[in-house]
Amino acid sequence: MELSIIQIGNSKGLRIPKPLIEKYGLKDKVELILEKGYLIIKPISSPRKGWETAFKAMNENGDDQLLLNDVFENENFEAWI
């Protein structure tokens, strides 16, 4: 695919067609990788985005209970020191 480099203020940029933006999940920011003479544009993923809010809600609802028992029967770790 051939794209034109366009003037954006004092910089230059590329216009990425909407179908490519949607297909590759490009959002507000991307990672630009320089590798072996190539520019690679990679979407930035945030796999844990929103976890803090979800954990707070779980705590408020009392849903943050352990699903498994503790691994150690005796939690006296003095022998380890």
C-alpha atoms as a PDB file:
ATOM      1  CA  MET A   1       0.000   0.000   0.000  1.00  0.00           C
ATOM      2  CA  GLU A   2       1.414   3.366  -0.958  1.00  0.00           C
ATOM      3  CA  LEU A   3       0.673   6.375   1.271  1.00  0.00           C
ATOM      4  CA  SER A   4       1.646  10.016   0.882  1.00  0.00           C
ATOM      5  CA  ILE A   5       3.554  11.835   3.593  1.00  0.00           C
ATOM      6  CA  ILE A   6       1.585  14.977   4.483  1.00  0.00           C
ATOM      7  CA  GLN A   7       2.442  18.222   6.260  1.00  0.00           C
ATOM      8  CA  ILE A   8       1.059  18.477   9.814  1.00  0.00           C
ATOM      9  CA  GLY A   9       2.133  21.816  11.285  1.00  0.00           C
ATOM     10  CA  ASN A  10       5.943  21.771  11.405  1.00  0.00           C
ATOM     11  CA  SER A  11       5.968  17.961  11.225  1.00  0.00           C
ATOM     12  CA  LYS A  12       5.022  15.382   8.667  1.00  0.00           C
ATOM     13  CA  GLY A  13       2.757  12.384   9.035  1.00  0.00           C
ATOM     14  CA  LEU A  14       0.820   9.584   7.421  1.00  0.00           C
ATOM     15  CA  ARG A  15      -2.926   9.262   7.027  1.00  0.00           C
ATOM     16  CA  ILE A  16      -3.888   5.720   7.876  1.00  0.00           C
ATOM     17  CA  PRO A  17      -7.078   4.576   6.121  1.00  0.00           C
ATOM     18  CA  LYS A  18     -10.030   3.891   8.435  1.00  0.00           C
ATOM     19  CA  PRO A  19     -10.339   0.193   7.457  1.00  0.00           C
ATOM     20  CA  LEU A  20      -6.732  -0.396   8.595  1.00  0.00           C
ATOM     21  CA  ILE A  21      -7.322   1.498  11.843  1.00  0.00           C
ATOM     22  CA  GLU A  22     -10.351  -0.683  12.588  1.00  0.00           C
ATOM     23  CA  LYS A  23      -8.753  -3.955  11.429  1.00  0.00           C
ATOM     24  CA  TYR A  24      -5.641  -3.537  13.583  1.00  0.00           C
ATOM     25  CA  GLY A  25      -7.301  -1.851  16.573  1.00  0.00           C
ATOM     26  CA  LEU A  26      -5.311   1.378  16.415  1.00  0.00           C
ATOM     27  CA  LYS A  27      -6.429   3.844  19.087  1.00  0.00           C
ATOM     28  CA  ASP A  28      -5.041   7.201  20.259  1.00  0.00           C
ATOM     29  CA  LYS A  29      -1.445   5.974  20.585  1.00  0.00           C
ATOM     30  CA  VAL A  30       0.713   3.468  18.721  1.00  0.00           C
ATOM     31  CA  GLU A  31       4.198   2.107  19.202  1.00  0.00           C
ATOM     32  CA  LEU A  32       6.687   2.958  16.445  1.00  0.00           C
ATOM     33  CA  ILE A  33       9.398   0.302  16.073  1.00  0.00           C
ATOM     34  CA  LEU A  34      12.515   0.854  13.975  1.00  0.00           C
ATOM     35  CA  GLU A  35      13.789  -2.532  12.841  1.00  0.00           C
ATOM     36  CA  LYS A  36      16.200  -3.497  10.059  1.00  0.00           C
ATOM     37  CA  GLY A  37      15.456  -0.441   7.944  1.00  0.00           C
ATOM     38  CA  TYR A  38      11.680  -0.662   8.433  1.00  0.00           C
ATOM     39  CA  LEU A  39       9.183   1.402  10.415  1.00  0.00           C
ATOM     40  CA  ILE A  40       6.642  -0.809  12.159  1.00  0.00           C
ATOM     41  CA  ILE A  41       3.461   0.714  13.577  1.00  0.00           C
ATOM     42  CA  LYS A  42       2.058  -1.442  16.364  1.00  0.00           C
ATOM     43  CA  PRO A  43      -1.095  -0.881  18.436  1.00  0.00           C
ATOM     44  CA  ILE A  44      -0.487  -0.303  22.128  1.00  0.00           C
ATOM     45  CA  SER A  45      -2.492  -2.741  24.172  1.00  0.00           C
ATOM     46  CA  SER A  46      -3.528  -2.105  27.761  1.00  0.00           C
ATOM     47  CA  PRO A  47      -4.547  -5.555  28.980  1.00  0.00           C
ATOM     48  CA  ARG A  48      -4.981  -4.433  32.604  1.00  0.00           C
ATOM     49  CA  LYS A  49      -6.767  -1.178  31.857  1.00  0.00           C
ATOM     50  CA  GLY A  50      -9.688  -0.701  34.232  1.00  0.00           C
ATOM     51  CA  TRP A  51      -8.514  -3.343  36.710  1.00  0.00           C
ATOM     52  CA  GLU A  52      -8.067  -0.840  39.541  1.00  0.00           C
ATOM     53  CA  THR A  53     -11.675   0.329  39.245  1.00  0.00           C
ATOM     54  CA  ALA A  54     -12.915  -3.264  38.999  1.00  0.00           C
ATOM     55  CA  PHE A  55     -10.928  -4.324  42.089  1.00  0.00           C
ATOM     56  CA  LYS A  56     -12.282  -1.386  44.097  1.00  0.00           C
ATOM     57  CA  ALA A  57     -15.830  -2.323  43.091  1.00  0.00           C
ATOM     58  CA  MET A  58     -15.193  -5.957  44.049  1.00  0.00           C
ATOM     59  CA  ASN A  59     -13.933  -4.850  47.453  1.00  0.00           C
ATOM     60  CA  GLU A  60     -16.943  -2.609  48.043  1.00  0.00           C
ATOM     61  CA  ASN A  61     -19.280  -5.487  47.102  1.00  0.00           C
ATOM     62  CA  GLY A  62     -17.400  -8.007  49.256  1.00  0.00           C
ATOM     63  CA  ASP A  63     -16.529 -10.056  46.163  1.00  0.00           C
ATOM     64  CA  ASP A  64     -12.772 -10.091  46.784  1.00  0.00           C
ATOM     65  CA  GLN A  65     -12.591 -13.327  48.743  1.00  0.00           C
ATOM     66  CA  LEU A  66      -9.920 -15.998  48.219  1.00  0.00           C
ATOM     67  CA  LEU A  67     -11.059 -18.846  45.985  1.00  0.00           C
ATOM     68  CA  LEU A  68      -8.348 -21.198  47.261  1.00  0.00           C
ATOM     69  CA  ASN A  69      -7.026 -21.764  50.760  1.00  0.00           C
ATOM     70  CA  ASP A  70      -3.627 -20.356  51.638  1.00  0.00           C
ATOM     71  CA  VAL A  71      -0.724 -22.486  50.469  1.00  0.00           C
ATOM     72  CA  PHE A  72       0.958 -22.562  53.880  1.00  0.00           C
ATOM     73  CA  GLU A  73      -0.759 -24.240  56.802  1.00  0.00           C
ATOM     74  CA  ASN A  74       1.639 -22.658  59.294  1.00  0.00           C
ATOM     75  CA  GLU A  75       2.330 -19.047  58.442  1.00  0.00           C
ATOM     76  CA  ASN A  76       5.210 -18.771  60.881  1.00  0.00           C
ATOM     77  CA  PHE A  77       8.075 -17.677  58.653  1.00  0.00           C
ATOM     78  CA  GLU A  78      10.595 -17.078  61.458  1.00  0.00           C
ATOM     79  CA  ALA A  79      12.523 -20.207  60.431  1.00  0.00           C
ATOM     80  CA  TRP A  80      13.072 -18.609  57.024  1.00  0.00           C
ATOM     81  CA  ILE A  81      14.842 -15.536  58.426  1.00  0.00           C
END
